[in-house]
Amino acid sequence: MRNAPTPTKKHLKKNAKRNNVNTLITETNLNDRLYHLKENLKRTDYKYDLWSGNVNEVAYQQGKYDQYFHRYYYDADNRLRSVYTSKEGLIWEKEAKYFYYAHGPLARTELGDRQVQGQDYAYTINGWIKGVNSNTLDAARDIGKDGNNATNLNRWFG
């Protein structure tokens, strides 16, 4: 019998030049079943942009039955523009798309491959977050006009 279970451990393999984590191995010893099935180790690999250091791709358990991939795309200002996911690394689904105001802050997030949800962000003159979407159910006050069916601007939104 093993000793008393220890909490989750994380093992890192870093890129010395940028101090980025290239590989993360998470070891979970809290569940004996996972240990005996040799499922207590989970590997996550990261790929970065050489110039900006932004994460371009994350591979979770690559080559295993529970593999999963994320891809990230950025604009010229290194702001996140879109996120895609895949189960096998061949067919990619859009998970989110991001829009920004001309002066920099996040203006809108559209979630899902069919843009099933939109989140609009409003800021104070100081740049502090003021609100997400509207604080009322009045479609006329909705920042992104998602509730305005007359214009059909965002026909996928509810």
C-alpha atoms as a PDB file:
ATOM      1  CA  MET A   1       0.000   0.000   0.000  1.00  0.00           C
ATOM      2  CA  ARG A   2       1.183   3.498  -0.812  1.00  0.00           C
ATOM      3  CA  ASN A   3       1.843   6.209   1.702  1.00  0.00           C
ATOM      4  CA  ALA A   4      -0.763   8.843   2.459  1.00  0.00           C
ATOM      5  CA  PRO A   5      -1.813  10.667  -0.715  1.00  0.00           C
ATOM      6  CA  THR A   6      -0.134  13.948  -1.478  1.00  0.00           C
ATOM      7  CA  PRO A   7      -1.838  16.850  -3.208  1.00  0.00           C
ATOM      8  CA  THR A   8      -1.431  17.644  -6.876  1.00  0.00           C
ATOM      9  CA  LYS A   9       2.137  18.250  -8.034  1.00  0.00           C
ATOM     10  CA  LYS A  10       3.172  20.234 -11.084  1.00  0.00           C
ATOM     11  CA  HIS A  11       6.357  19.612 -13.037  1.00  0.00           C
ATOM     12  CA  LEU A  12       7.512  22.359 -15.398  1.00  0.00           C
ATOM     13  CA  LYS A  13       9.868  22.383 -18.362  1.00  0.00           C
ATOM     14  CA  LYS A  14      10.707  26.017 -19.110  1.00  0.00           C
ATOM     15  CA  ASN A  15      12.268  27.878 -21.989  1.00  0.00           C
ATOM     16  CA  ALA A  16      15.260  29.491 -20.315  1.00  0.00           C
ATOM     17  CA  LYS A  17      15.409  32.411 -22.749  1.00  0.00           C
ATOM     18  CA  ARG A  18      11.872  33.724 -22.120  1.00  0.00           C
ATOM     19  CA  ASN A  19      10.997  31.883 -18.914  1.00  0.00           C
ATOM     20  CA  ASN A  20       7.899  30.429 -20.628  1.00  0.00           C
ATOM     21  CA  VAL A  21       6.565  27.025 -19.670  1.00  0.00           C
ATOM     22  CA  ASN A  22       6.923  24.646 -22.638  1.00  0.00           C
ATOM     23  CA  THR A  23       5.557  21.568 -20.892  1.00  0.00           C
ATOM     24  CA  LEU A  24       3.459  21.222 -17.768  1.00  0.00           C
ATOM     25  CA  ILE A  25       2.911  17.800 -16.236  1.00  0.00           C
ATOM     26  CA  THR A  26       0.264  17.674 -13.545  1.00  0.00           C
ATOM     27  CA  GLU A  27       0.501  14.719 -11.176  1.00  0.00           C
ATOM     28  CA  THR A  28      -2.564  13.903  -9.117  1.00  0.00           C
ATOM     29  CA  ASN A  29      -2.049  11.431  -6.292  1.00  0.00           C
ATOM     30  CA  LEU A  30      -5.323  12.028  -4.481  1.00  0.00           C
ATOM     31  CA  ASN A  31      -7.172   9.287  -6.365  1.00  0.00           C
ATOM     32  CA  ASP A  32      -5.839   5.722  -6.115  1.00  0.00           C
ATOM     33  CA  ARG A  33      -7.928   4.640  -9.103  1.00  0.00           C
ATOM     34  CA  LEU A  34      -6.200   7.160 -11.375  1.00  0.00           C
ATOM     35  CA  TYR A  35      -2.825   6.052 -10.054  1.00  0.00           C
ATOM     36  CA  HIS A  36      -3.479   2.363 -10.776  1.00  0.00           C
ATOM     37  CA  LEU A  37      -4.812   3.149 -14.263  1.00  0.00           C
ATOM     38  CA  LYS A  38      -1.734   5.327 -14.864  1.00  0.00           C
ATOM     39  CA  GLU A  39      -4.045   8.303 -15.472  1.00  0.00           C
ATOM     40  CA  ASN A  40      -2.652  10.438 -12.663  1.00  0.00           C
ATOM     41  CA  LEU A  41      -0.231  12.268 -15.011  1.00  0.00           C
ATOM     42  CA  LYS A  42      -1.612  14.851 -17.438  1.00  0.00           C
ATOM     43  CA  ARG A  43       0.647  16.662 -19.922  1.00  0.00           C
ATOM     44  CA  THR A  44       0.060  20.113 -21.409  1.00  0.00           C
ATOM     45  CA  ASP A  45       2.409  21.512 -24.088  1.00  0.00           C
ATOM     46  CA  TYR A  46       2.592  25.200 -25.047  1.00  0.00           C
ATOM     47  CA  LYS A  47       3.806  26.843 -28.269  1.00  0.00           C
ATOM     48  CA  TYR A  48       4.675  30.539 -28.229  1.00  0.00           C
ATOM     49  CA  ASP A  49       5.250  33.312 -30.734  1.00  0.00           C
ATOM     50  CA  LEU A  50       8.986  33.988 -30.856  1.00  0.00           C
ATOM     51  CA  TRP A  51       8.700  37.789 -30.924  1.00  0.00           C
ATOM     52  CA  SER A  52       5.775  38.596 -28.664  1.00  0.00           C
ATOM     53  CA  GLY A  53       5.849  35.621 -26.318  1.00  0.00           C
ATOM     54  CA  ASN A  54       2.092  35.123 -26.806  1.00  0.00           C
ATOM     55  CA  VAL A  55       0.735  31.596 -26.525  1.00  0.00           C
ATOM     56  CA  ASN A  56      -0.182  30.364 -30.038  1.00  0.00           C
ATOM     57  CA  GLU A  57      -1.220  26.816 -29.253  1.00  0.00           C
ATOM     58  CA  VAL A  58      -1.898  24.598 -26.253  1.00  0.00           C
ATOM     59  CA  ALA A  59      -1.961  20.805 -26.594  1.00  0.00           C
ATOM     60  CA  TYR A  60      -3.496  18.885 -23.710  1.00  0.00           C
ATOM     61  CA  GLN A  61      -2.637  15.162 -23.615  1.00  0.00           C
ATOM     62  CA  GLN A  62      -1.549  15.056 -27.285  1.00  0.00           C
ATOM     63  CA  GLY A  63      -1.739  11.509 -28.656  1.00  0.00           C
ATOM     64  CA  LYS A  64      -3.989  10.282 -25.816  1.00  0.00           C
ATOM     65  CA  TYR A  65      -7.704   9.489 -25.857  1.00  0.00           C
ATOM     66  CA  ASP A  66      -8.522  12.699 -23.984  1.00  0.00           C
ATOM     67  CA  GLN A  67      -6.395  15.032 -26.134  1.00  0.00           C
ATOM     68  CA  TYR A  68      -7.593  18.580 -26.690  1.00  0.00           C
ATOM     69  CA  PHE A  69      -6.102  21.575 -28.485  1.00  0.00           C
ATOM     70  CA  HIS A  70      -6.456  25.363 -28.291  1.00  0.00           C
ATOM     71  CA  ARG A  71      -5.224  27.908 -30.849  1.00  0.00           C
ATOM     72  CA  TYR A  72      -4.963  31.624 -30.223  1.00  0.00           C
ATOM     73  CA  TYR A  73      -4.781  34.425 -32.802  1.00  0.00           C
ATOM     74  CA  TYR A  74      -3.717  38.006 -32.102  1.00  0.00           C
ATOM     75  CA  ASP A  75      -3.898  41.353 -33.893  1.00  0.00           C
ATOM     76  CA  ALA A  76      -0.973  43.665 -34.698  1.00  0.00           C
ATOM     77  CA  ASP A  77      -1.200  45.131 -31.175  1.00  0.00           C
ATOM     78  CA  ASN A  78      -0.834  41.649 -29.591  1.00  0.00           C
ATOM     79  CA  ARG A  79      -4.453  41.652 -28.430  1.00  0.00           C
ATOM     80  CA  LEU A  80      -6.306  38.358 -28.510  1.00  0.00           C
ATOM     81  CA  ARG A  81      -8.593  38.244 -31.588  1.00  0.00           C
ATOM     82  CA  SER A  82      -9.940  34.692 -31.662  1.00  0.00           C
ATOM     83  CA  VAL A  83      -9.722  31.305 -29.958  1.00  0.00           C
ATOM     84  CA  TYR A  84     -10.264  27.938 -31.636  1.00  0.00           C
ATOM     85  CA  THR A  85     -10.445  24.430 -30.161  1.00  0.00           C
ATOM     86  CA  SER A  86     -10.128  20.942 -31.593  1.00  0.00           C
ATOM     87  CA  LYS A  87     -10.340  17.398 -30.306  1.00  0.00           C
ATOM     88  CA  GLU A  88      -8.000  15.905 -32.902  1.00  0.00           C
ATOM     89  CA  GLY A  89      -6.055  18.904 -34.221  1.00  0.00           C
ATOM     90  CA  LEU A  90      -7.646  18.764 -37.696  1.00  0.00           C
ATOM     91  CA  ILE A  91     -11.123  20.274 -37.421  1.00  0.00           C
ATOM     92  CA  TRP A  92     -11.191  23.562 -35.519  1.00  0.00           C
ATOM     93  CA  GLU A  93     -14.211  25.295 -33.980  1.00  0.00           C
ATOM     94  CA  LYS A  94     -14.276  28.963 -33.113  1.00  0.00           C
ATOM     95  CA  GLU A  95     -14.882  29.399 -29.390  1.00  0.00           C
ATOM     96  CA  ALA A  96     -14.565  33.153 -29.088  1.00  0.00           C
ATOM     97  CA  LYS A  97     -13.898  36.308 -31.066  1.00  0.00           C
ATOM     98  CA  TYR A  98     -12.759  39.576 -29.484  1.00  0.00           C
ATOM     99  CA  PHE A  99     -13.317  43.168 -30.616  1.00  0.00           C
ATOM    100  CA  TYR A 100     -11.576  46.262 -29.248  1.00  0.00           C
ATOM    101  CA  TYR A 101     -12.254  49.973 -29.112  1.00  0.00           C
ATOM    102  CA  ALA A 102      -9.908  52.119 -31.215  1.00  0.00           C
ATOM    103  CA  HIS A 103      -8.180  53.350 -28.035  1.00  0.00           C
ATOM    104  CA  GLY A 104      -7.431  49.779 -26.852  1.00  0.00           C
ATOM    105  CA  PRO A 105      -9.863  48.277 -24.332  1.00  0.00           C
ATOM    106  CA  LEU A 106     -11.977  45.206 -25.008  1.00  0.00           C
ATOM    107  CA  ALA A 107     -15.301  46.242 -26.551  1.00  0.00           C
ATOM    108  CA  ARG A 108     -17.042  42.959 -27.288  1.00  0.00           C
ATOM    109  CA  THR A 109     -16.692  39.210 -26.965  1.00  0.00           C
ATOM    110  CA  GLU A 110     -18.680  36.816 -29.138  1.00  0.00           C
ATOM    111  CA  LEU A 111     -18.782  33.274 -27.830  1.00  0.00           C
ATOM    112  CA  GLY A 112     -19.344  30.048 -29.734  1.00  0.00           C
ATOM    113  CA  ASP A 113     -18.945  28.893 -33.305  1.00  0.00           C
ATOM    114  CA  ARG A 114     -22.351  30.394 -34.175  1.00  0.00           C
ATOM    115  CA  GLN A 115     -21.863  33.440 -31.967  1.00  0.00           C
ATOM    116  CA  VAL A 116     -24.422  32.226 -29.454  1.00  0.00           C
ATOM    117  CA  GLN A 117     -23.618  34.887 -26.879  1.00  0.00           C
ATOM    118  CA  GLY A 118     -22.310  38.410 -27.052  1.00  0.00           C
ATOM    119  CA  GLN A 119     -20.816  40.372 -24.203  1.00  0.00           C
ATOM    120  CA  ASP A 120     -20.342  44.106 -24.558  1.00  0.00           C
ATOM    121  CA  TYR A 121     -18.068  46.093 -22.267  1.00  0.00           C
ATOM    122  CA  ALA A 122     -18.509  49.711 -21.196  1.00  0.00           C
ATOM    123  CA  TYR A 123     -15.848  51.766 -19.427  1.00  0.00           C
ATOM    124  CA  THR A 124     -15.706  54.979 -17.451  1.00  0.00           C
ATOM    125  CA  ILE A 125     -13.716  57.962 -18.673  1.00  0.00           C
ATOM    126  CA  ASN A 126     -10.892  56.714 -16.395  1.00  0.00           C
ATOM    127  CA  GLY A 127     -10.796  53.365 -18.201  1.00  0.00           C
ATOM    128  CA  TRP A 128     -12.396  51.368 -15.386  1.00  0.00           C
ATOM    129  CA  ILE A 129     -14.961  48.724 -16.292  1.00  0.00           C
ATOM    130  CA  LYS A 130     -18.411  50.224 -15.925  1.00  0.00           C
ATOM    131  CA  GLY A 131     -20.578  47.349 -17.012  1.00  0.00           C
ATOM    132  CA  VAL A 132     -21.020  44.261 -19.130  1.00  0.00           C
ATOM    133  CA  ASN A 133     -24.023  44.315 -21.463  1.00  0.00           C
ATOM    134  CA  SER A 134     -26.872  46.384 -20.105  1.00  0.00           C
ATOM    135  CA  ASN A 135     -28.202  46.548 -16.584  1.00  0.00           C
ATOM    136  CA  THR A 136     -31.795  46.537 -17.884  1.00  0.00           C
ATOM    137  CA  LEU A 137     -33.824  44.254 -20.141  1.00  0.00           C
ATOM    138  CA  ASP A 138     -34.632  47.133 -22.482  1.00  0.00           C
ATOM    139  CA  ALA A 139     -33.344  46.190 -25.970  1.00  0.00           C
ATOM    140  CA  ALA A 140     -32.870  49.873 -26.816  1.00  0.00           C
ATOM    141  CA  ARG A 141     -30.237  50.156 -24.057  1.00  0.00           C
ATOM    142  CA  ASP A 142     -28.298  47.059 -25.122  1.00  0.00           C
ATOM    143  CA  ILE A 143     -24.749  48.139 -26.046  1.00  0.00           C
ATOM    144  CA  GLY A 144     -24.275  45.607 -28.866  1.00  0.00           C
ATOM    145  CA  LYS A 145     -27.903  45.795 -30.059  1.00  0.00           C
ATOM    146  CA  ASP A 146     -28.179  42.002 -29.749  1.00  0.00           C
ATOM    147  CA  GLY A 147     -31.785  42.266 -28.603  1.00  0.00           C
ATOM    148  CA  ASN A 148     -32.833  44.494 -31.508  1.00  0.00           C
ATOM    149  CA  ASN A 149     -34.635  42.118 -33.907  1.00  0.00           C
ATOM    150  CA  ALA A 150     -35.712  44.918 -36.247  1.00  0.00           C
ATOM    151  CA  THR A 151     -32.211  45.471 -37.630  1.00  0.00           C
ATOM    152  CA  ASN A 152     -31.204  41.788 -37.703  1.00  0.00           C
ATOM    153  CA  LEU A 153     -27.656  42.904 -36.813  1.00  0.00           C
ATOM    154  CA  ASN A 154     -26.880  39.893 -34.678  1.00  0.00           C
ATOM    155  CA  ARG A 155     -29.476  37.345 -35.731  1.00  0.00           C
ATOM    156  CA  TRP A 156     -27.825  34.495 -33.823  1.00  0.00           C
ATOM    157  CA  PHE A 157     -28.176  36.232 -30.471  1.00  0.00           C
ATOM    158  CA  GLY A 158     -31.134  35.882 -28.186  1.00  0.00           C
END
